[in-house]
C-alpha atoms as a PDB file:
ATOM      1  CA  MET A   1     112.081 100.020  84.617  1.00  0.00           C
ATOM      2  CA  PRO A   2     113.728 103.420  85.138  1.00  0.00           C
ATOM      3  CA  VAL A   3     110.503 104.859  86.578  1.00  0.00           C
ATOM      4  CA  THR A   4     110.120 101.906  88.964  1.00  0.00           C
ATOM      5  CA  LEU A   5     113.713 102.275  90.154  1.00  0.00           C
ATOM      6  CA  GLU A   6     113.220 106.005  90.649  1.00  0.00           C
ATOM      7  CA  GLU A   7     110.108 105.444  92.776  1.00  0.00           C
ATOM      8  CA  LEU A   8     111.837 102.756  94.853  1.00  0.00           C
ATOM      9  CA  ALA A   9     114.800 105.048  95.463  1.00  0.00           C
ATOM     10  CA  LYS A  10     112.452 107.857  96.578  1.00  0.00           C
ATOM     11  CA  VAL A  11     111.115 105.674  99.408  1.00  0.00           C
ATOM     12  CA  GLN A  12     114.506 105.918 101.085  1.00  0.00           C
ATOM     13  CA  ASP A  13     114.380 109.711 101.139  1.00  0.00           C
ATOM     14  CA  HIS A  14     110.833 110.832 101.653  1.00  0.00           C
ATOM     15  CA  ILE A  15     107.388 109.434 102.289  1.00  0.00           C
ATOM     16  CA  SER A  16     104.693 112.084 102.356  1.00  0.00           C
ATOM     17  CA  THR A  17     102.050 112.057 105.038  1.00  0.00           C
ATOM     18  CA  PRO A  18      99.247 111.538 102.484  1.00  0.00           C
ATOM     19  CA  GLU A  19     101.131 108.538 101.048  1.00  0.00           C
ATOM     20  CA  LEU A  20     101.555 107.035 104.497  1.00  0.00           C
ATOM     21  CA  LEU A  21      97.886 107.587 105.360  1.00  0.00           C
ATOM     22  CA  ARG A  22      96.824 106.061 102.036  1.00  0.00           C
ATOM     23  CA  ALA A  23      99.059 103.025 102.553  1.00  0.00           C
ATOM     24  CA  ARG A  24      97.741 102.504 106.076  1.00  0.00           C
ATOM     25  CA  ALA A  25      94.142 102.733 104.858  1.00  0.00           C
ATOM     26  CA  GLN A  26      94.823 100.264 102.053  1.00  0.00           C
ATOM     27  CA  LEU A  27      96.461  97.753 104.397  1.00  0.00           C
ATOM     28  CA  LYS A  28      93.672  98.010 106.948  1.00  0.00           C
ATOM     29  CA  ALA A  29      90.981  97.698 104.279  1.00  0.00           C
ATOM     30  CA  GLY A  30      92.648  94.597 102.830  1.00  0.00           C
ATOM     31  CA  LEU A  31      92.997  93.051 106.264  1.00  0.00           C
ATOM     32  CA  LEU A  32      89.418  93.730 107.274  1.00  0.00           C
ATOM     33  CA  MET A  33      87.992  92.666 103.905  1.00  0.00           C
ATOM     34  CA  SER A  34      89.897  89.375 104.122  1.00  0.00           C
ATOM     35  CA  LEU A  35      88.087  88.606 107.375  1.00  0.00           C
ATOM     36  CA  GLU A  36      84.865  88.255 105.379  1.00  0.00           C
ATOM     37  CA  SER A  37      86.180  85.180 103.539  1.00  0.00           C
ATOM     38  CA  THR A  38      86.046  81.941 105.532  1.00  0.00           C
ATOM     39  CA  GLY A  39      88.933  80.447 103.582  1.00  0.00           C
ATOM     40  CA  SER A  40      91.089  83.521 103.997  1.00  0.00           C
ATOM     41  CA  ARG A  41      90.309  83.719 107.704  1.00  0.00           C
ATOM     42  CA  CYS A  42      91.238  80.049 108.163  1.00  0.00           C
ATOM     43  CA  GLU A  43      94.531  80.629 106.339  1.00  0.00           C
ATOM     44  CA  GLN A  44      95.285  83.642 108.555  1.00  0.00           C
ATOM     45  CA  ILE A  45      94.534  81.712 111.735  1.00  0.00           C
ATOM     46  CA  ALA A  46      96.692  78.771 110.636  1.00  0.00           C
ATOM     47  CA  ARG A  47      99.575  81.049 109.628  1.00  0.00           C
ATOM     48  CA  GLN A  48      99.393  83.028 112.878  1.00  0.00           C
ATOM     49  CA  TRP A  49      99.231  79.889 114.967  1.00  0.00           C
ATOM     50  CA  GLN A  50     102.179  78.359 113.116  1.00  0.00           C
ATOM     51  CA  ILE A  51     104.372  81.464 113.246  1.00  0.00           C
ATOM     52  CA  PHE A  52     103.376  83.154 116.511  1.00  0.00           C
ATOM     53  CA  GLY A  53     101.767  80.318 118.458  1.00  0.00           C
ATOM     54  CA  ARG A  54      98.624  82.374 118.951  1.00  0.00           C
ATOM     55  CA  ILE A  55      95.787  83.972 117.047  1.00  0.00           C
ATOM     56  CA  ILE A  56      96.383  87.685 116.656  1.00  0.00           C
ATOM     57  CA  PRO A  57      93.264  89.846 116.918  1.00  0.00           C
ATOM     58  CA  ALA A  58      92.614  92.164 113.968  1.00  0.00           C
ATOM     59  CA  SER A  59      92.617  95.106 116.381  1.00  0.00           C
ATOM     60  CA  GLU A  60      96.245  94.326 117.312  1.00  0.00           C
ATOM     61  CA  THR A  61      97.286  94.222 113.673  1.00  0.00           C
ATOM     62  CA  VAL A  62      95.455  97.487 112.951  1.00  0.00           C
ATOM     63  CA  ALA A  63      97.217  99.127 115.911  1.00  0.00           C
ATOM     64  CA  LYS A  64     100.592  97.991 114.555  1.00  0.00           C
ATOM     65  CA  ILE A  65      99.741  99.373 111.110  1.00  0.00           C
ATOM     66  CA  GLU A  66      98.783 102.707 112.704  1.00  0.00           C
ATOM     67  CA  ALA A  67     102.089 102.775 114.604  1.00  0.00           C
ATOM     68  CA  VAL A  68     104.243 102.662 111.445  1.00  0.00           C
ATOM     69  CA  THR A  69     106.013 105.974 110.869  1.00  0.00           C
ATOM     70  CA  GLU A  70     107.702 107.572 107.883  1.00  0.00           C
ATOM     71  CA  ALA A  71     111.044 106.964 109.620  1.00  0.00           C
ATOM     72  CA  ASP A  72     110.225 103.241 109.944  1.00  0.00           C
ATOM     73  CA  ILE A  73     109.569 102.996 106.210  1.00  0.00           C
ATOM     74  CA  ARG A  74     112.750 104.859 105.308  1.00  0.00           C
ATOM     75  CA  ALA A  75     114.806 102.625 107.623  1.00  0.00           C
ATOM     76  CA  VAL A  76     113.390  99.413 106.157  1.00  0.00           C
ATOM     77  CA  ALA A  77     113.822 100.678 102.601  1.00  0.00           C
ATOM     78  CA  ALA A  78     117.448 101.598 103.276  1.00  0.00           C
ATOM     79  CA  LYS A  79     118.098  98.176 104.776  1.00  0.00           C
ATOM     80  CA  ILE A  80     116.468  96.338 101.880  1.00  0.00           C
ATOM     81  CA  PHE A  81     118.236  98.343  99.201  1.00  0.00           C
ATOM     82  CA  ARG A  82     121.674  97.807 100.772  1.00  0.00           C
ATOM     83  CA  THR A  83     121.487  94.129  99.787  1.00  0.00           C
ATOM     84  CA  ARG A  84     122.094  92.792  96.312  1.00  0.00           C
ATOM     85  CA  PRO A  85     118.738  92.408  94.527  1.00  0.00           C
ATOM     86  CA  THR A  86     117.599  89.346  92.636  1.00  0.00           C
ATOM     87  CA  LEU A  87     116.578  90.083  89.083  1.00  0.00           C
ATOM     88  CA  ALA A  88     114.234  88.023  86.925  1.00  0.00           C
ATOM     89  CA  THR A  89     113.255  89.186  83.466  1.00  0.00           C
ATOM     90  CA  LEU A  90     110.691  88.273  80.886  1.00  0.00           C
ATOM     91  CA  GLY A  91     110.800  89.570  77.358  1.00  0.00           C
ATOM     92  CA  PRO A  92     113.523  91.419  75.459  1.00  0.00           C
ATOM     93  CA  ILE A  93     116.473  91.122  77.843  1.00  0.00           C
ATOM     94  CA  ARG A  94     118.530  93.694  75.940  1.00  0.00           C
ATOM     95  CA  GLN A  95     116.198  96.434  77.190  1.00  0.00           C
ATOM     96  CA  VAL A  96     116.804  95.563  80.841  1.00  0.00           C
ATOM     97  CA  PRO A  97     119.442  97.669  82.621  1.00  0.00           C
ATOM     98  CA  ARG A  98     122.532  95.881  83.877  1.00  0.00           C
ATOM     99  CA  LEU A  99     122.270  94.630  87.447  1.00  0.00           C
ATOM    100  CA  THR A 100     125.092  96.962  88.543  1.00  0.00           C
ATOM    101  CA  ASN A 101     123.098  99.945  87.209  1.00  0.00           C
ATOM    102  CA  ILE A 102     120.009  98.785  89.127  1.00  0.00           C
ATOM    103  CA  ILE A 103     122.053  98.418  92.317  1.00  0.00           C
ATOM    104  CA  ASP A 104     123.481 101.914  91.859  1.00  0.00           C
ATOM    105  CA  ARG A 105     120.012 103.421  91.343  1.00  0.00           C
ATOM    106  CA  LEU A 106     118.626 101.734  94.452  1.00  0.00           C
ATOM    107  CA  ALA A 107     121.592 102.738  96.611  1.00  0.00           C
ATOM    108  CA  ALA A 108     120.507 106.378  96.437  1.00  0.00           C
END
């Protein structure tokens, strides 16, 4: 868990350009690959219709992914990590850091 907390805290400080490019490529690939599945496409259409009242073209979603900046990611990470996290554990609970320690690590 310490390594995970360290990586999450880093997101608030710095996202490298290669990381951002890799994340964009992964998101776009997942989106475009999901269009090949009829079931997945139907779920997307239903969800978009229910939430936005319209079907959003893949090109619009790709453009929004491309528009995300390092500053956007840092801002969202800072906002998320200012709130109190929910913690669920499985396994030896004595090895899990106290919630206050987790909060302190994320508040970097």
